[in-house]
């Protein structure tokens, strides 16, 4: 039987679906550390399986720095319009636009390798992987543009 408090804790910490969190806790005998490791293992497999799926929906995000001398645009793509309208997807897009404005990257590959400005223990690619797990869809940064005066 799954410990409800641990299920809530795991869900809150990972943002992964309750069903998958429950399965991880069941297989780890309610051990949070083992459950997280299982989710990471499963996540890597899920991300690999989704990375070639077509991303035909998405949104464009912009950021203009307070000094009005730096601006950016980011096209973040996903598989469905349902995800493209999700609050967390929209937040991710805004964060990526701020990232592009803050640290110069000429290509999306360079951007993915950067440390995330709000949490240097993560790379931008980690944010994308987390979003793929959270939404169950392939998510890609398609284009970036940065202007500086």
N, C-alpha and C. Protein backbone atom coordinates (compact mmCIF):
# COMPACT_ATOMS: atom_id res chain seq x y z
N UNK A 1 0.84 -1.19 0.00
CA UNK A 1 0.00 0.00 0.00
C UNK A 1 0.89 1.25 0.00
N UNK A 2 0.51 2.22 -0.80
CA UNK A 2 1.30 3.44 -0.95
C UNK A 2 0.98 4.42 0.17
N UNK A 3 2.04 5.00 0.74
CA UNK A 3 1.92 6.03 1.77
C UNK A 3 1.51 7.34 1.07
N UNK A 4 0.32 7.83 1.40
CA UNK A 4 -0.24 9.02 0.74
C UNK A 4 0.65 10.25 0.95
N UNK A 5 1.21 10.41 2.15
CA UNK A 5 2.09 11.56 2.40
C UNK A 5 3.32 11.52 1.51
N UNK A 6 3.88 10.32 1.35
CA UNK A 6 5.05 10.17 0.48
C UNK A 6 4.67 10.40 -0.99
N UNK A 7 3.48 9.95 -1.35
CA UNK A 7 3.01 10.18 -2.72
C UNK A 7 2.89 11.68 -3.00
N UNK A 8 2.30 12.41 -2.06
CA UNK A 8 2.17 13.86 -2.23
C UNK A 8 3.55 14.53 -2.28
N UNK A 9 4.46 14.09 -1.43
CA UNK A 9 5.82 14.65 -1.40
C UNK A 9 6.53 14.40 -2.73
N UNK A 10 6.45 13.16 -3.22
CA UNK A 10 7.11 12.81 -4.47
C UNK A 10 6.52 13.59 -5.64
N UNK A 11 5.22 13.71 -5.67
CA UNK A 11 4.53 14.45 -6.73
C UNK A 11 4.94 15.92 -6.72
N UNK A 12 4.95 16.51 -5.51
CA UNK A 12 5.30 17.92 -5.39
C UNK A 12 6.76 18.16 -5.80
N UNK A 13 7.64 17.26 -5.43
CA UNK A 13 9.06 17.43 -5.71
C UNK A 13 9.38 17.24 -7.20
N UNK A 14 8.70 16.29 -7.85
CA UNK A 14 9.05 15.95 -9.23
C UNK A 14 8.11 16.51 -10.28
N UNK A 15 6.89 16.85 -9.91
CA UNK A 15 5.84 17.29 -10.84
C UNK A 15 5.47 16.23 -11.86
N UNK A 16 5.80 15.00 -11.58
CA UNK A 16 5.47 13.88 -12.46
C UNK A 16 4.09 13.37 -12.06
N UNK A 17 3.39 12.76 -13.00
CA UNK A 17 2.01 12.33 -12.76
C UNK A 17 1.87 11.48 -11.51
N UNK A 18 0.71 11.59 -10.88
CA UNK A 18 0.44 10.83 -9.66
C UNK A 18 0.52 9.33 -9.94
N UNK A 19 0.02 8.90 -11.08
CA UNK A 19 0.05 7.47 -11.41
C UNK A 19 1.48 6.94 -11.47
N UNK A 20 2.38 7.69 -12.09
CA UNK A 20 3.77 7.25 -12.19
C UNK A 20 4.47 7.32 -10.83
N UNK A 21 4.17 8.35 -10.04
CA UNK A 21 4.72 8.45 -8.68
C UNK A 21 4.25 7.27 -7.83
N UNK A 22 2.97 6.93 -7.96
CA UNK A 22 2.41 5.81 -7.20
C UNK A 22 3.10 4.51 -7.59
N UNK A 23 3.29 4.30 -8.87
CA UNK A 23 3.96 3.09 -9.35
C UNK A 23 5.39 3.01 -8.81
N UNK A 24 6.10 4.14 -8.81
CA UNK A 24 7.47 4.16 -8.31
C UNK A 24 7.52 3.85 -6.81
N UNK A 25 6.58 4.38 -6.06
CA UNK A 25 6.53 4.09 -4.62
C UNK A 25 6.17 2.63 -4.35
N UNK A 26 5.28 2.09 -5.14
CA UNK A 26 4.92 0.68 -4.99
C UNK A 26 6.13 -0.21 -5.24
N UNK A 27 6.86 0.08 -6.30
CA UNK A 27 8.01 -0.74 -6.66
C UNK A 27 9.20 -0.54 -5.74
N UNK A 28 9.23 0.56 -5.00
CA UNK A 28 10.34 0.84 -4.09
C UNK A 28 9.95 0.64 -2.62
N UNK A 29 8.78 0.05 -2.38
CA UNK A 29 8.27 -0.16 -1.01
C UNK A 29 8.24 1.13 -0.20
N UNK A 30 7.71 2.19 -0.82
CA UNK A 30 7.54 3.51 -0.19
C UNK A 30 8.84 4.19 0.19
N UNK A 31 9.93 3.84 -0.48
CA UNK A 31 11.22 4.49 -0.24
C UNK A 31 11.34 5.66 -1.22
N UNK A 32 11.31 6.88 -0.69
CA UNK A 32 11.33 8.08 -1.55
C UNK A 32 12.58 8.16 -2.43
N UNK A 33 13.73 7.86 -1.87
CA UNK A 33 14.98 7.96 -2.62
C UNK A 33 14.99 6.97 -3.78
N UNK A 34 14.60 5.73 -3.49
CA UNK A 34 14.54 4.71 -4.55
C UNK A 34 13.47 5.06 -5.59
N UNK A 35 12.36 5.61 -5.12
CA UNK A 35 11.27 5.99 -6.04
C UNK A 35 11.75 7.09 -6.98
N UNK A 36 12.49 8.08 -6.47
CA UNK A 36 13.02 9.15 -7.32
C UNK A 36 13.97 8.58 -8.37
N UNK A 37 14.81 7.63 -7.94
CA UNK A 37 15.74 7.01 -8.88
C UNK A 37 14.99 6.26 -9.98
N UNK A 38 13.92 5.57 -9.59
CA UNK A 38 13.10 4.87 -10.59
C UNK A 38 12.49 5.85 -11.57
N UNK A 39 11.96 6.96 -11.04
CA UNK A 39 11.35 7.96 -11.92
C UNK A 39 12.38 8.53 -12.89
N UNK A 40 13.60 8.77 -12.41
CA UNK A 40 14.65 9.28 -13.29
C UNK A 40 14.97 8.26 -14.38
N UNK A 41 15.07 6.99 -13.98
CA UNK A 41 15.36 5.93 -14.95
C UNK A 41 14.24 5.86 -15.99
N UNK A 42 13.01 5.82 -15.51
CA UNK A 42 11.87 5.76 -16.42
C UNK A 42 11.79 7.02 -17.28
N UNK A 43 12.13 8.14 -16.68
CA UNK A 43 12.09 9.40 -17.40
C UNK A 43 13.06 9.41 -18.56
N UNK A 44 14.26 8.92 -18.33
CA UNK A 44 15.25 8.87 -19.40
C UNK A 44 14.72 8.03 -20.56
N UNK A 45 14.08 6.91 -20.23
CA UNK A 45 13.51 6.05 -21.27
C UNK A 45 12.37 6.76 -21.99
N UNK A 46 11.51 7.43 -21.24
CA UNK A 46 10.37 8.14 -21.84
C UNK A 46 10.85 9.27 -22.75
N UNK A 47 11.86 10.02 -22.27
CA UNK A 47 12.38 11.13 -23.07
C UNK A 47 12.96 10.60 -24.38
N UNK A 48 13.71 9.51 -24.30
CA UNK A 48 14.29 8.92 -25.50
C UNK A 48 13.19 8.51 -26.48
N UNK A 49 12.10 7.93 -25.97
CA UNK A 49 11.00 7.49 -26.83
C UNK A 49 10.23 8.65 -27.45
N UNK A 50 10.25 9.81 -26.83
CA UNK A 50 9.46 10.95 -27.31
C UNK A 50 10.26 11.91 -28.20
N UNK A 51 11.59 11.82 -28.17
CA UNK A 51 12.39 12.86 -28.82
C UNK A 51 12.22 12.95 -30.33
N UNK A 52 11.72 11.92 -30.97
CA UNK A 52 11.52 11.98 -32.43
C UNK A 52 10.08 12.28 -32.81
N UNK A 53 9.21 12.49 -31.83
CA UNK A 53 7.82 12.80 -32.15
C UNK A 53 7.71 14.24 -32.65
N UNK A 54 6.77 14.46 -33.56
CA UNK A 54 6.60 15.76 -34.22
C UNK A 54 6.04 16.80 -33.24
N UNK A 55 6.65 17.97 -33.27
CA UNK A 55 6.19 19.10 -32.45
C UNK A 55 5.63 20.16 -33.41
N UNK A 56 4.31 20.14 -33.58
CA UNK A 56 3.67 21.04 -34.55
C UNK A 56 2.91 22.18 -33.88
N UNK A 57 2.89 22.21 -32.57
CA UNK A 57 2.23 23.28 -31.82
C UNK A 57 3.29 24.00 -30.99
N UNK A 58 2.88 24.98 -30.23
CA UNK A 58 3.81 25.69 -29.37
C UNK A 58 3.45 27.16 -29.26
N UNK A 59 4.45 27.96 -28.89
CA UNK A 59 4.22 29.39 -28.71
C UNK A 59 5.55 30.14 -28.85
N UNK A 60 5.44 31.44 -29.05
CA UNK A 60 6.60 32.33 -29.12
C UNK A 60 6.59 33.20 -27.87
N UNK A 61 7.75 33.29 -27.24
CA UNK A 61 7.89 34.04 -25.99
C UNK A 61 8.91 35.15 -26.17
N UNK A 62 8.65 36.28 -25.52
CA UNK A 62 9.55 37.43 -25.62
C UNK A 62 9.95 37.91 -24.25
N UNK A 63 11.11 38.56 -24.22
CA UNK A 63 11.59 39.19 -22.99
C UNK A 63 12.34 40.45 -23.37
N UNK A 64 12.06 41.55 -22.70
CA UNK A 64 12.80 42.80 -22.88
C UNK A 64 13.34 43.18 -21.52
N UNK A 65 14.66 43.35 -21.46
CA UNK A 65 15.30 43.70 -20.18
C UNK A 65 14.85 45.09 -19.73
N UNK A 66 14.88 45.33 -18.42
CA UNK A 66 14.38 46.60 -17.87
C UNK A 66 15.10 47.82 -18.43
N UNK A 67 16.35 47.66 -18.88
CA UNK A 67 17.08 48.81 -19.44
C UNK A 67 16.73 49.06 -20.91
N UNK A 68 15.87 48.22 -21.49
CA UNK A 68 15.41 48.34 -22.88
C UNK A 68 16.54 48.24 -23.90
N UNK A 69 17.65 47.59 -23.53
CA UNK A 69 18.78 47.46 -24.43
C UNK A 69 19.03 46.01 -24.87
N UNK A 70 18.32 45.08 -24.26
CA UNK A 70 18.45 43.66 -24.62
C UNK A 70 17.05 43.07 -24.72
N UNK A 71 16.84 42.28 -25.77
CA UNK A 71 15.55 41.61 -25.95
C UNK A 71 15.78 40.23 -26.55
N UNK A 72 14.78 39.36 -26.39
CA UNK A 72 14.90 38.03 -26.97
C UNK A 72 13.53 37.49 -27.38
N UNK A 73 13.57 36.55 -28.31
CA UNK A 73 12.40 35.78 -28.72
C UNK A 73 12.79 34.31 -28.69
N UNK A 74 11.86 33.47 -28.23
CA UNK A 74 12.09 32.02 -28.21
C UNK A 74 10.84 31.34 -28.75
N UNK A 75 11.04 30.43 -29.68
CA UNK A 75 9.95 29.58 -30.16
C UNK A 75 10.09 28.24 -29.46
N UNK A 76 9.12 27.92 -28.63
CA UNK A 76 9.10 26.66 -27.88
C UNK A 76 7.98 25.81 -28.44
N UNK A 77 8.33 24.64 -28.95
CA UNK A 77 7.35 23.79 -29.62
C UNK A 77 6.98 22.57 -28.78
N UNK A 78 5.75 22.11 -28.96
CA UNK A 78 5.24 20.91 -28.30
C UNK A 78 4.34 20.17 -29.29
N UNK A 79 3.72 19.10 -28.84
CA UNK A 79 2.91 18.27 -29.75
C UNK A 79 1.46 18.73 -29.89
N UNK A 80 0.89 19.29 -28.83
CA UNK A 80 -0.55 19.62 -28.87
C UNK A 80 -0.82 21.04 -28.40
N UNK A 81 -1.94 21.58 -28.86
CA UNK A 81 -2.34 22.91 -28.41
C UNK A 81 -2.76 22.90 -26.94
N UNK A 82 -3.15 21.72 -26.44
CA UNK A 82 -3.51 21.60 -25.03
C UNK A 82 -2.30 21.95 -24.15
N UNK A 83 -1.14 21.39 -24.47
CA UNK A 83 0.07 21.69 -23.69
C UNK A 83 0.53 23.12 -23.95
N UNK A 84 0.43 23.60 -25.18
CA UNK A 84 0.91 24.95 -25.48
C UNK A 84 0.14 26.03 -24.71
N UNK A 85 -1.05 25.70 -24.22
CA UNK A 85 -1.84 26.65 -23.44
C UNK A 85 -1.69 26.44 -21.93
N UNK A 86 -0.92 25.42 -21.54
CA UNK A 86 -0.76 25.10 -20.13
C UNK A 86 0.07 26.18 -19.42
N UNK A 87 -0.33 26.53 -18.22
CA UNK A 87 0.34 27.58 -17.44
C UNK A 87 1.83 27.28 -17.24
N UNK A 88 2.16 26.03 -16.93
CA UNK A 88 3.55 25.67 -16.70
C UNK A 88 4.39 25.72 -17.98
N UNK A 89 3.79 25.39 -19.11
CA UNK A 89 4.47 25.51 -20.39
C UNK A 89 4.75 26.99 -20.69
N UNK A 90 3.76 27.83 -20.42
CA UNK A 90 3.93 29.27 -20.65
C UNK A 90 5.01 29.85 -19.74
N UNK A 91 5.07 29.38 -18.51
CA UNK A 91 6.11 29.83 -17.58
C UNK A 91 7.49 29.39 -18.09
N UNK A 92 7.58 28.15 -18.56
CA UNK A 92 8.85 27.65 -19.12
C UNK A 92 9.30 28.52 -20.29
N UNK A 93 8.38 28.87 -21.17
CA UNK A 93 8.72 29.72 -22.31
C UNK A 93 9.26 31.07 -21.89
N UNK A 94 8.62 31.68 -20.88
CA UNK A 94 9.09 32.98 -20.38
C UNK A 94 10.48 32.86 -19.75
N UNK A 95 10.69 31.79 -19.00
CA UNK A 95 12.00 31.56 -18.38
C UNK A 95 13.09 31.41 -19.45
N UNK A 96 12.76 30.70 -20.52
CA UNK A 96 13.73 30.51 -21.59
C UNK A 96 14.02 31.82 -22.32
N UNK A 97 13.01 32.64 -22.51
CA UNK A 97 13.23 33.95 -23.14
C UNK A 97 14.15 34.81 -22.27
N UNK A 98 13.96 34.77 -20.96
CA UNK A 98 14.83 35.52 -20.05
C UNK A 98 16.26 34.95 -20.10
N UNK A 99 16.37 33.64 -20.18
CA UNK A 99 17.68 32.98 -20.28
C UNK A 99 18.43 33.46 -21.53
N UNK A 100 17.73 33.49 -22.65
CA UNK A 100 18.35 33.91 -23.92
C UNK A 100 18.80 35.37 -23.83
N UNK A 101 18.01 36.21 -23.21
CA UNK A 101 18.40 37.61 -23.06
C UNK A 101 19.59 37.76 -22.11
N UNK A 102 19.64 36.93 -21.08
CA UNK A 102 20.69 37.04 -20.06
C UNK A 102 22.04 36.53 -20.52
N UNK A 103 22.04 35.40 -21.21
CA UNK A 103 23.30 34.79 -21.64
C UNK A 103 23.23 34.52 -23.14
N UNK A 104 24.16 35.08 -23.84
CA UNK A 104 24.16 34.96 -25.29
C UNK A 104 24.38 33.51 -25.74
N UNK A 105 23.57 33.06 -26.66
CA UNK A 105 23.74 31.76 -27.32
C UNK A 105 23.38 31.96 -28.78
N UNK A 106 24.25 31.53 -29.66
CA UNK A 106 23.99 31.71 -31.10
C UNK A 106 23.04 30.64 -31.64
N UNK A 107 23.05 29.45 -31.02
CA UNK A 107 22.20 28.36 -31.50
C UNK A 107 21.42 27.74 -30.33
N UNK A 108 20.41 26.96 -30.68
CA UNK A 108 19.65 26.27 -29.63
C UNK A 108 20.52 25.24 -28.93
N UNK A 109 21.46 24.64 -29.64
CA UNK A 109 22.38 23.66 -29.00
C UNK A 109 23.20 24.33 -27.92
N UNK A 110 23.71 25.53 -28.21
CA UNK A 110 24.46 26.28 -27.20
C UNK A 110 23.57 26.60 -26.00
N UNK A 111 22.34 27.00 -26.27
CA UNK A 111 21.41 27.34 -25.20
C UNK A 111 21.17 26.14 -24.29
N UNK A 112 20.96 24.98 -24.88
CA UNK A 112 20.68 23.77 -24.08
C UNK A 112 21.83 23.41 -23.15
N UNK A 113 23.05 23.78 -23.51
CA UNK A 113 24.23 23.46 -22.70
C UNK A 113 24.48 24.47 -21.58
N UNK A 114 23.81 25.61 -21.62
CA UNK A 114 24.03 26.65 -20.61
C UNK A 114 23.49 26.25 -19.25
N UNK A 115 24.14 26.80 -18.20
CA UNK A 115 23.58 26.67 -16.86
C UNK A 115 22.32 27.53 -16.80
N UNK A 116 21.30 27.01 -16.13
CA UNK A 116 20.05 27.75 -15.97
C UNK A 116 20.29 28.91 -15.01
N UNK A 117 19.90 30.12 -15.41
CA UNK A 117 20.21 31.32 -14.62
C UNK A 117 19.60 31.31 -13.23
N UNK A 118 18.48 30.65 -13.04
CA UNK A 118 17.83 30.63 -11.72
C UNK A 118 18.33 29.49 -10.83
N UNK A 119 19.00 28.49 -11.43
CA UNK A 119 19.50 27.34 -10.67
C UNK A 119 20.71 26.77 -11.40
N UNK A 120 21.91 27.26 -11.09
CA UNK A 120 23.12 26.82 -11.80
C UNK A 120 23.43 25.32 -11.68
N UNK A 121 22.74 24.61 -10.79
CA UNK A 121 22.96 23.16 -10.70
C UNK A 121 22.28 22.43 -11.86
N UNK A 122 21.45 23.15 -12.62
CA UNK A 122 20.75 22.58 -13.77
C UNK A 122 21.23 23.23 -15.06
N UNK A 123 21.15 22.47 -16.12
CA UNK A 123 21.37 23.00 -17.46
C UNK A 123 19.99 23.28 -18.07
N UNK A 124 19.95 24.08 -19.10
CA UNK A 124 18.69 24.37 -19.79
C UNK A 124 18.09 23.08 -20.32
N UNK A 125 18.92 22.17 -20.82
CA UNK A 125 18.41 20.89 -21.33
C UNK A 125 17.67 20.11 -20.24
N UNK A 126 18.08 20.27 -18.96
CA UNK A 126 17.38 19.61 -17.86
C UNK A 126 15.96 20.15 -17.72
N UNK A 127 15.78 21.45 -17.93
CA UNK A 127 14.44 22.04 -17.88
C UNK A 127 13.54 21.43 -18.95
N UNK A 128 14.11 21.25 -20.13
CA UNK A 128 13.34 20.66 -21.23
C UNK A 128 12.98 19.21 -20.91
N UNK A 129 13.93 18.46 -20.38
CA UNK A 129 13.67 17.06 -20.01
C UNK A 129 12.58 16.97 -18.95
N UNK A 130 12.64 17.85 -17.96
CA UNK A 130 11.62 17.87 -16.91
C UNK A 130 10.24 18.17 -17.51
N UNK A 131 10.20 19.07 -18.47
CA UNK A 131 8.93 19.42 -19.11
C UNK A 131 8.38 18.25 -19.92
N UNK A 132 9.26 17.53 -20.59
CA UNK A 132 8.83 16.36 -21.36
C UNK A 132 8.19 15.33 -20.43
N UNK A 133 8.83 15.11 -19.29
CA UNK A 133 8.27 14.17 -18.31
C UNK A 133 6.94 14.67 -17.75
N UNK A 134 6.90 15.93 -17.45
CA UNK A 134 5.70 16.51 -16.84
C UNK A 134 4.50 16.46 -17.77
N UNK A 135 4.72 16.82 -19.04
CA UNK A 135 3.60 16.91 -19.98
C UNK A 135 3.37 15.65 -20.79
N UNK A 136 4.35 14.77 -20.83
CA UNK A 136 4.21 13.54 -21.61
C UNK A 136 4.26 13.78 -23.11
N UNK A 137 4.85 14.89 -23.50
CA UNK A 137 4.98 15.23 -24.91
C UNK A 137 6.42 15.64 -25.21
N UNK A 138 6.78 15.55 -26.48
CA UNK A 138 8.07 16.06 -26.90
C UNK A 138 8.01 17.59 -26.88
N UNK A 139 9.06 18.20 -26.36
CA UNK A 139 9.14 19.66 -26.29
C UNK A 139 10.51 20.05 -26.81
N UNK A 140 10.55 21.03 -27.71
CA UNK A 140 11.80 21.47 -28.32
C UNK A 140 11.87 22.99 -28.37
N UNK A 141 13.07 23.49 -28.19
CA UNK A 141 13.33 24.90 -28.47
C UNK A 141 13.67 24.94 -29.94
N UNK A 142 12.81 25.56 -30.74
CA UNK A 142 13.00 25.53 -32.18
C UNK A 142 13.89 26.67 -32.68
N UNK A 143 13.62 27.89 -32.20
CA UNK A 143 14.40 29.05 -32.66
C UNK A 143 14.61 30.03 -31.51
N UNK A 144 15.73 30.72 -31.57
CA UNK A 144 16.01 31.78 -30.60
C UNK A 144 16.58 32.99 -31.34
N UNK A 145 16.26 34.16 -30.81
CA UNK A 145 16.80 35.41 -31.35
C UNK A 145 17.12 36.30 -30.15
N UNK A 146 18.27 36.97 -30.20
CA UNK A 146 18.65 37.91 -29.14
C UNK A 146 19.16 39.19 -29.78
N UNK A 147 18.64 40.32 -29.31
CA UNK A 147 19.09 41.63 -29.78
C UNK A 147 19.74 42.36 -28.62
N UNK A 148 20.78 43.09 -28.94
CA UNK A 148 21.44 43.91 -27.93
C UNK A 148 21.89 45.21 -28.57
N UNK A 149 21.59 46.31 -27.89
CA UNK A 149 22.03 47.63 -28.39
C UNK A 149 23.41 47.90 -27.83
